[in-house]
Amino acid sequence: MSVYKHILVATDLAEESAQVLERAKTVARATDGRISLLHVVEYVPVDPAGEALLPPPVDMEEELIDSARERLQKLVDSLDLKVDKCLVKVGQTKAEIKRIAGDIGADLIVLGSRERHGLALLMGGTERSVVHNAPCDVLTVRLRDD
């Protein structure tokens, strides 16, 4: 069994993100590993082939990135979490998670997984893509609607 020394936690900053981070914290504590956090700002309208339809206004991009950084830091502070890196990237979430995991040498990716219905079920989720294409192990934390 692998001992996870560098854990990448991908978060969408939703309310349930704390559940995902707590699980990663537990794994890191058990393996004496370190945690890096990633939030991907994916706001550009994208067609089914993955091509951007419109370029975003530059000031909008900066505002979204700054807002995401603030929210990510508040989440870290609220959980008393020690992190190695706190990253906010712009791009396609699925691709960025895989790319960053490889770039930082993560040996485990932790992300939340929600139940899908209707069209979302047919289109597949970020979790599914990451699980099948990640450069390392992936732990999906099942998020439930309470």
N, C-alpha and C. Protein backbone atom coordinates (compact mmCIF):
# COMPACT_ATOMS: atom_id res chain seq x y z
N MET A 1 0.82 -1.18 0.00
CA MET A 1 0.00 0.00 0.00
C MET A 1 0.87 1.25 0.00
N SER A 2 0.45 2.24 -0.76
CA SER A 2 1.18 3.49 -0.84
C SER A 2 1.02 4.29 0.44
N VAL A 3 2.05 5.02 0.77
CA VAL A 3 1.96 5.98 1.85
C VAL A 3 1.89 7.34 1.17
N TYR A 4 0.82 8.04 1.41
CA TYR A 4 0.58 9.30 0.71
C TYR A 4 1.33 10.44 1.38
N LYS A 5 2.30 10.97 0.68
CA LYS A 5 3.13 12.04 1.23
C LYS A 5 2.74 13.42 0.73
N HIS A 6 2.10 13.48 -0.44
CA HIS A 6 1.66 14.79 -0.95
C HIS A 6 0.25 14.63 -1.50
N ILE A 7 -0.68 15.23 -0.80
CA ILE A 7 -2.10 15.09 -1.11
C ILE A 7 -2.60 16.39 -1.74
N LEU A 8 -3.19 16.26 -2.92
CA LEU A 8 -3.82 17.41 -3.57
C LEU A 8 -5.31 17.34 -3.33
N VAL A 9 -5.85 18.38 -2.70
CA VAL A 9 -7.29 18.45 -2.46
C VAL A 9 -7.86 19.45 -3.45
N ALA A 10 -8.75 18.96 -4.32
CA ALA A 10 -9.42 19.82 -5.28
C ALA A 10 -10.78 20.19 -4.69
N THR A 11 -11.05 21.47 -4.59
CA THR A 11 -12.29 21.92 -3.99
C THR A 11 -13.02 22.90 -4.89
N ASP A 12 -14.35 22.80 -4.87
CA ASP A 12 -15.17 23.76 -5.61
C ASP A 12 -15.66 24.88 -4.69
N LEU A 13 -15.23 24.87 -3.45
CA LEU A 13 -15.56 25.88 -2.44
C LEU A 13 -17.03 25.87 -2.04
N ALA A 14 -17.73 24.79 -2.33
CA ALA A 14 -19.11 24.64 -1.90
C ALA A 14 -19.13 24.38 -0.39
N GLU A 15 -20.33 24.43 0.20
CA GLU A 15 -20.46 24.21 1.64
C GLU A 15 -19.86 22.88 2.08
N GLU A 16 -19.98 21.87 1.23
CA GLU A 16 -19.51 20.53 1.59
C GLU A 16 -17.98 20.39 1.51
N SER A 17 -17.29 21.43 1.09
CA SER A 17 -15.84 21.36 0.95
C SER A 17 -15.15 21.00 2.26
N ALA A 18 -15.73 21.42 3.37
CA ALA A 18 -15.14 21.10 4.67
C ALA A 18 -15.06 19.60 4.89
N GLN A 19 -16.06 18.85 4.42
CA GLN A 19 -16.05 17.38 4.55
C GLN A 19 -14.86 16.79 3.81
N VAL A 20 -14.62 17.31 2.63
CA VAL A 20 -13.52 16.80 1.79
C VAL A 20 -12.18 17.12 2.45
N LEU A 21 -12.04 18.34 2.93
CA LEU A 21 -10.79 18.74 3.57
C LEU A 21 -10.54 17.97 4.87
N GLU A 22 -11.59 17.72 5.62
CA GLU A 22 -11.43 16.94 6.86
C GLU A 22 -10.93 15.53 6.54
N ARG A 23 -11.46 14.93 5.48
CA ARG A 23 -11.00 13.58 5.09
C ARG A 23 -9.54 13.61 4.67
N ALA A 24 -9.16 14.62 3.90
CA ALA A 24 -7.76 14.75 3.48
C ALA A 24 -6.85 14.97 4.69
N LYS A 25 -7.33 15.76 5.63
CA LYS A 25 -6.56 16.03 6.86
C LYS A 25 -6.32 14.73 7.64
N THR A 26 -7.33 13.88 7.69
CA THR A 26 -7.21 12.59 8.37
C THR A 26 -6.16 11.71 7.70
N VAL A 27 -6.20 11.66 6.37
CA VAL A 27 -5.23 10.86 5.62
C VAL A 27 -3.82 11.43 5.82
N ALA A 28 -3.68 12.73 5.73
CA ALA A 28 -2.37 13.36 5.90
C ALA A 28 -1.80 13.11 7.28
N ARG A 29 -2.66 13.17 8.28
CA ARG A 29 -2.21 12.92 9.65
C ARG A 29 -1.72 11.47 9.80
N ALA A 30 -2.45 10.54 9.19
CA ALA A 30 -2.10 9.11 9.30
C ALA A 30 -0.82 8.76 8.56
N THR A 31 -0.52 9.50 7.50
CA THR A 31 0.65 9.17 6.68
C THR A 31 1.79 10.17 6.83
N ASP A 32 1.61 11.15 7.70
CA ASP A 32 2.57 12.24 7.87
C ASP A 32 2.80 12.94 6.53
N GLY A 33 1.70 13.12 5.80
CA GLY A 33 1.78 13.74 4.49
C GLY A 33 1.46 15.22 4.55
N ARG A 34 1.70 15.89 3.45
CA ARG A 34 1.38 17.32 3.36
C ARG A 34 0.23 17.51 2.38
N ILE A 35 -0.46 18.63 2.52
CA ILE A 35 -1.64 18.91 1.72
C ILE A 35 -1.43 20.17 0.89
N SER A 36 -1.81 20.07 -0.37
CA SER A 36 -1.92 21.24 -1.24
C SER A 36 -3.38 21.36 -1.65
N LEU A 37 -3.87 22.59 -1.71
CA LEU A 37 -5.26 22.82 -2.10
C LEU A 37 -5.31 23.44 -3.48
N LEU A 38 -6.36 23.07 -4.22
CA LEU A 38 -6.56 23.62 -5.55
C LEU A 38 -8.02 23.97 -5.76
N HIS A 39 -8.25 25.18 -6.25
CA HIS A 39 -9.57 25.56 -6.73
C HIS A 39 -9.37 26.04 -8.16
N VAL A 40 -10.22 25.55 -9.06
CA VAL A 40 -10.13 25.96 -10.46
C VAL A 40 -11.30 26.88 -10.78
N VAL A 41 -10.98 28.06 -11.27
CA VAL A 41 -11.99 28.99 -11.73
C VAL A 41 -12.29 28.62 -13.18
N GLU A 42 -13.49 28.11 -13.37
CA GLU A 42 -13.92 27.67 -14.71
C GLU A 42 -15.22 28.40 -15.02
N TYR A 43 -15.09 29.55 -15.64
CA TYR A 43 -16.26 30.38 -15.87
C TYR A 43 -16.50 30.67 -17.33
N VAL A 44 -15.60 30.30 -18.17
CA VAL A 44 -15.72 30.59 -19.59
C VAL A 44 -16.73 29.63 -20.22
N PRO A 45 -17.71 30.14 -20.97
CA PRO A 45 -18.62 29.22 -21.66
C PRO A 45 -17.83 28.29 -22.57
N VAL A 46 -18.11 27.00 -22.45
CA VAL A 46 -17.36 26.00 -23.21
C VAL A 46 -18.34 25.16 -24.01
N ASP A 47 -17.97 24.89 -25.27
CA ASP A 47 -18.82 24.02 -26.08
C ASP A 47 -18.50 22.56 -25.75
N PRO A 48 -19.27 21.61 -26.22
CA PRO A 48 -19.06 20.20 -25.87
C PRO A 48 -17.68 19.66 -26.24
N ALA A 49 -17.02 20.27 -27.22
CA ALA A 49 -15.69 19.81 -27.62
C ALA A 49 -14.60 20.38 -26.71
N GLY A 50 -15.00 21.21 -25.75
CA GLY A 50 -14.03 21.76 -24.79
C GLY A 50 -13.40 23.06 -25.24
N GLU A 51 -13.89 23.66 -26.31
CA GLU A 51 -13.34 24.92 -26.80
C GLU A 51 -14.09 26.10 -26.19
N ALA A 52 -13.35 27.13 -25.81
CA ALA A 52 -13.97 28.33 -25.26
C ALA A 52 -14.77 29.04 -26.34
N LEU A 53 -15.95 29.49 -25.98
CA LEU A 53 -16.80 30.20 -26.94
C LEU A 53 -16.53 31.70 -26.93
N LEU A 54 -16.24 32.24 -25.76
CA LEU A 54 -15.99 33.67 -25.63
C LEU A 54 -14.80 33.92 -24.74
N PRO A 55 -13.92 34.87 -25.09
CA PRO A 55 -12.85 35.22 -24.15
C PRO A 55 -13.42 36.06 -23.02
N PRO A 56 -12.98 35.82 -21.78
CA PRO A 56 -13.51 36.57 -20.64
C PRO A 56 -12.87 37.96 -20.55
N PRO A 57 -13.61 38.92 -20.01
CA PRO A 57 -12.99 40.22 -19.74
C PRO A 57 -11.90 40.04 -18.67
N VAL A 58 -10.78 40.70 -18.84
CA VAL A 58 -9.63 40.53 -17.94
C VAL A 58 -9.97 40.90 -16.50
N ASP A 59 -10.69 42.00 -16.29
CA ASP A 59 -11.01 42.41 -14.93
C ASP A 59 -11.92 41.40 -14.24
N MET A 60 -12.78 40.74 -14.99
CA MET A 60 -13.65 39.71 -14.43
C MET A 60 -12.82 38.52 -13.95
N GLU A 61 -11.84 38.14 -14.74
CA GLU A 61 -10.97 37.03 -14.36
C GLU A 61 -10.24 37.33 -13.06
N GLU A 62 -9.69 38.53 -12.95
CA GLU A 62 -8.96 38.92 -11.74
C GLU A 62 -9.87 38.91 -10.51
N GLU A 63 -11.09 39.41 -10.67
CA GLU A 63 -12.05 39.42 -9.56
C GLU A 63 -12.40 38.00 -9.12
N LEU A 64 -12.63 37.12 -10.07
CA LEU A 64 -12.96 35.73 -9.74
C LEU A 64 -11.80 35.04 -9.03
N ILE A 65 -10.60 35.28 -9.49
CA ILE A 65 -9.42 34.67 -8.86
C ILE A 65 -9.24 35.21 -7.44
N ASP A 66 -9.33 36.52 -7.27
CA ASP A 66 -9.17 37.12 -5.94
C ASP A 66 -10.24 36.61 -4.97
N SER A 67 -11.47 36.55 -5.44
CA SER A 67 -12.56 36.04 -4.61
C SER A 67 -12.32 34.58 -4.21
N ALA A 68 -11.88 33.78 -5.16
CA ALA A 68 -11.61 32.36 -4.87
C ALA A 68 -10.47 32.22 -3.86
N ARG A 69 -9.43 33.03 -3.99
CA ARG A 69 -8.31 32.98 -3.04
C ARG A 69 -8.77 33.31 -1.63
N GLU A 70 -9.61 34.34 -1.51
CA GLU A 70 -10.13 34.73 -0.20
C GLU A 70 -10.98 33.61 0.41
N ARG A 71 -11.87 33.04 -0.38
CA ARG A 71 -12.74 31.97 0.11
C ARG A 71 -11.93 30.73 0.49
N LEU A 72 -10.91 30.42 -0.29
CA LEU A 72 -10.05 29.28 0.01
C LEU A 72 -9.30 29.49 1.32
N GLN A 73 -8.79 30.70 1.52
CA GLN A 73 -8.08 30.99 2.76
C GLN A 73 -9.00 30.94 3.97
N LYS A 74 -10.23 31.44 3.83
CA LYS A 74 -11.20 31.36 4.93
C LYS A 74 -11.50 29.91 5.29
N LEU A 75 -11.62 29.06 4.28
CA LEU A 75 -11.87 27.65 4.51
C LEU A 75 -10.71 27.00 5.25
N VAL A 76 -9.50 27.31 4.84
CA VAL A 76 -8.29 26.78 5.50
C VAL A 76 -8.26 27.25 6.96
N ASP A 77 -8.51 28.53 7.18
CA ASP A 77 -8.48 29.08 8.54
C ASP A 77 -9.57 28.46 9.42
N SER A 78 -10.75 28.26 8.86
CA SER A 78 -11.86 27.72 9.65
C SER A 78 -11.62 26.28 10.09
N LEU A 79 -10.81 25.55 9.34
CA LEU A 79 -10.53 24.15 9.67
C LEU A 79 -9.19 23.97 10.37
N ASP A 80 -8.50 25.09 10.62
CA ASP A 80 -7.18 25.03 11.23
C ASP A 80 -6.30 24.03 10.48
N LEU A 81 -6.22 24.24 9.18
CA LEU A 81 -5.53 23.32 8.29
C LEU A 81 -4.19 23.89 7.88
N LYS A 82 -3.15 23.10 8.00
CA LYS A 82 -1.83 23.51 7.56
C LYS A 82 -1.66 22.99 6.13
N VAL A 83 -1.40 23.91 5.19
CA VAL A 83 -1.26 23.50 3.80
C VAL A 83 0.11 23.87 3.26
N ASP A 84 0.58 23.03 2.34
CA ASP A 84 1.85 23.26 1.67
C ASP A 84 1.69 24.34 0.60
N LYS A 85 0.64 24.20 -0.21
CA LYS A 85 0.36 25.16 -1.29
C LYS A 85 -1.14 25.41 -1.34
N CYS A 86 -1.50 26.63 -1.66
CA CYS A 86 -2.90 27.02 -1.82
C CYS A 86 -3.00 27.64 -3.22
N LEU A 87 -3.55 26.88 -4.17
CA LEU A 87 -3.51 27.28 -5.57
C LEU A 87 -4.90 27.61 -6.12
N VAL A 88 -4.97 28.67 -6.90
CA VAL A 88 -6.17 29.01 -7.65
C VAL A 88 -5.72 29.13 -9.10
N LYS A 89 -6.33 28.32 -9.96
CA LYS A 89 -5.98 28.31 -11.38
C LYS A 89 -7.21 28.58 -12.21
N VAL A 90 -7.00 29.04 -13.42
CA VAL A 90 -8.08 29.27 -14.37
C VAL A 90 -7.97 28.23 -15.46
N GLY A 91 -9.09 27.60 -15.78
CA GLY A 91 -9.07 26.61 -16.85
C GLY A 91 -10.20 25.62 -16.72
N GLN A 92 -10.06 24.51 -17.42
CA GLN A 92 -11.05 23.44 -17.34
C GLN A 92 -10.72 22.60 -16.11
N THR A 93 -11.67 22.46 -15.21
CA THR A 93 -11.43 21.83 -13.92
C THR A 93 -10.79 20.45 -14.05
N LYS A 94 -11.35 19.59 -14.87
CA LYS A 94 -10.83 18.23 -15.02
C LYS A 94 -9.36 18.23 -15.43
N ALA A 95 -9.05 19.03 -16.42
CA ALA A 95 -7.68 19.08 -16.94
C ALA A 95 -6.72 19.69 -15.93
N GLU A 96 -7.15 20.74 -15.25
CA GLU A 96 -6.27 21.42 -14.30
C GLU A 96 -5.95 20.53 -13.09
N ILE A 97 -6.92 19.81 -12.60
CA ILE A 97 -6.66 18.91 -11.46
C ILE A 97 -5.57 17.90 -11.84
N LYS A 98 -5.73 17.28 -12.99
CA LYS A 98 -4.74 16.29 -13.43
C LYS A 98 -3.38 16.93 -13.67
N ARG A 99 -3.37 18.10 -14.30
CA ARG A 99 -2.10 18.77 -14.60
C ARG A 99 -1.37 19.18 -13.33
N ILE A 100 -2.09 19.81 -12.41
CA ILE A 100 -1.45 20.27 -11.18
C ILE A 100 -0.96 19.08 -10.35
N ALA A 101 -1.74 18.01 -10.28
CA ALA A 101 -1.30 16.82 -9.54
C ALA A 101 0.05 16.34 -10.06
N GLY A 102 0.20 16.30 -11.37
CA GLY A 102 1.47 15.90 -11.96
C GLY A 102 2.58 16.90 -11.69
N ASP A 103 2.27 18.19 -11.84
CA ASP A 103 3.27 19.24 -11.64
C ASP A 103 3.83 19.27 -10.23
N ILE A 104 2.98 19.04 -9.23
CA ILE A 104 3.46 19.14 -7.85
C ILE A 104 3.90 17.79 -7.28
N GLY A 105 3.74 16.73 -8.06
CA GLY A 105 4.14 15.40 -7.60
C GLY A 105 3.20 14.82 -6.55
N ALA A 106 1.93 15.12 -6.66
CA ALA A 106 0.96 14.57 -5.71
C ALA A 106 0.86 13.06 -5.91
N ASP A 107 0.71 12.33 -4.80
CA ASP A 107 0.50 10.89 -4.91
C ASP A 107 -0.92 10.49 -4.52
N LEU A 108 -1.75 11.49 -4.18
CA LEU A 108 -3.16 11.25 -3.93
C LEU A 108 -3.93 12.54 -4.23
N ILE A 109 -5.04 12.39 -4.95
CA ILE A 109 -5.97 13.50 -5.17
C ILE A 109 -7.21 13.20 -4.35
N VAL A 110 -7.70 14.18 -3.61
CA VAL A 110 -8.93 14.02 -2.84
C VAL A 110 -9.93 15.06 -3.36
N LEU A 111 -11.14 14.60 -3.69
CA LEU A 111 -12.18 15.51 -4.15
C LEU A 111 -13.54 14.96 -3.78
N GLY A 112 -14.52 15.84 -3.74
CA GLY A 112 -15.88 15.44 -3.41
C GLY A 112 -16.58 14.84 -4.60
N SER A 113 -17.57 14.01 -4.30
CA SER A 113 -18.37 13.38 -5.35
C SER A 113 -19.83 13.49 -4.98
N ARG A 114 -20.60 14.09 -5.88
CA ARG A 114 -22.03 14.27 -5.65
C ARG A 114 -22.82 13.30 -6.51
N GLU A 115 -23.99 12.94 -6.04
CA GLU A 115 -24.88 12.11 -6.83
C GLU A 115 -25.37 12.94 -8.02
N ARG A 116 -25.38 12.32 -9.17
CA ARG A 116 -25.80 13.02 -10.40
C ARG A 116 -27.15 12.52 -10.85
N HIS A 117 -27.91 13.41 -11.46
CA HIS A 117 -29.23 13.07 -11.99
C HIS A 117 -29.37 13.66 -13.38
N GLY A 118 -30.25 13.09 -14.18
CA GLY A 118 -30.61 13.64 -15.48
C GLY A 118 -29.43 13.86 -16.40
N LEU A 119 -29.38 15.05 -17.00
CA LEU A 119 -28.35 15.38 -17.97
C LEU A 119 -26.95 15.33 -17.36
N ALA A 120 -26.82 15.75 -16.12
CA ALA A 120 -25.51 15.72 -15.46
C ALA A 120 -24.98 14.29 -15.37
N LEU A 121 -25.86 13.33 -15.20
CA LEU A 121 -25.47 11.92 -15.15
C LEU A 121 -24.93 11.47 -16.50
N LEU A 122 -25.59 11.88 -17.56
CA LEU A 122 -25.16 11.49 -18.90
C LEU A 122 -23.84 12.13 -19.30
N MET A 123 -23.62 13.37 -18.89
CA MET A 123 -22.43 14.09 -19.29
C MET A 123 -21.21 13.70 -18.47
N GLY A 124 -21.42 13.06 -17.33
CA GLY A 124 -20.29 12.65 -16.49
C GLY A 124 -19.80 13.81 -15.65
N GLY A 125 -19.12 13.48 -14.60
CA GLY A 125 -18.66 14.52 -13.69
C GLY A 125 -17.15 14.65 -13.69
N THR A 126 -16.71 15.70 -13.05
CA THR A 126 -15.28 15.92 -12.88
C THR A 126 -14.64 14.73 -12.19
N GLU A 127 -15.34 14.23 -11.15
CA GLU A 127 -14.78 13.12 -10.37
C GLU A 127 -14.46 11.92 -11.27
N ARG A 128 -15.40 11.59 -12.12
CA ARG A 128 -15.23 10.42 -13.00
C ARG A 128 -14.04 10.59 -13.93
N SER A 129 -13.91 11.75 -14.51
CA SER A 129 -12.79 12.02 -15.40
C SER A 129 -11.46 11.95 -14.65
N VAL A 130 -11.41 12.54 -13.47
CA VAL A 130 -10.17 12.53 -12.70
C VAL A 130 -9.81 11.11 -12.27
N VAL A 131 -10.79 10.36 -11.79
CA VAL A 131 -10.53 8.99 -11.35
C VAL A 131 -9.90 8.16 -12.47
N HIS A 132 -10.41 8.31 -13.68
CA HIS A 132 -9.95 7.47 -14.78
C HIS A 132 -8.70 7.98 -15.48
N ASN A 133 -8.30 9.23 -15.24
CA ASN A 133 -7.16 9.79 -15.97
C ASN A 133 -6.08 10.41 -15.10
N ALA A 134 -6.20 10.29 -13.81
CA ALA A 134 -5.25 10.94 -12.90
C ALA A 134 -3.87 10.26 -12.95
N PRO A 135 -2.83 11.03 -12.66
CA PRO A 135 -1.49 10.47 -12.63
C PRO A 135 -1.17 9.76 -11.30
N CYS A 136 -2.16 9.67 -10.40
CA CYS A 136 -1.94 9.08 -9.09
C CYS A 136 -3.27 8.53 -8.57
N ASP A 137 -3.27 8.02 -7.34
CA ASP A 137 -4.49 7.53 -6.72
C ASP A 137 -5.47 8.68 -6.49
N VAL A 138 -6.76 8.34 -6.43
CA VAL A 138 -7.80 9.34 -6.20
C VAL A 138 -8.74 8.83 -5.12
N LEU A 139 -9.03 9.69 -4.16
CA LEU A 139 -10.02 9.40 -3.13
C LEU A 139 -11.19 10.35 -3.35
N THR A 140 -12.36 9.78 -3.62
CA THR A 140 -13.55 10.61 -3.75
C THR A 140 -14.35 10.49 -2.46
N VAL A 141 -14.70 11.64 -1.93
CA VAL A 141 -15.48 11.72 -0.69
C VAL A 141 -16.94 11.89 -1.08
N ARG A 142 -17.76 10.95 -0.72
CA ARG A 142 -19.18 11.00 -1.10
C ARG A 142 -19.87 12.10 -0.32
N LEU A 143 -20.45 13.04 -1.05
CA LEU A 143 -21.17 14.15 -0.45
C LEU A 143 -22.64 13.87 -0.57
N ARG A 144 -23.34 14.01 0.53
CA ARG A 144 -24.76 13.73 0.56
C ARG A 144 -25.54 15.00 0.85
N ASP A 145 -26.71 15.08 0.25
CA ASP A 145 -27.63 16.17 0.56
C ASP A 145 -28.35 15.80 1.83
N ASP A 146 -28.20 16.62 2.85
CA ASP A 146 -28.87 16.33 4.13
C ASP A 146 -30.16 17.08 4.25
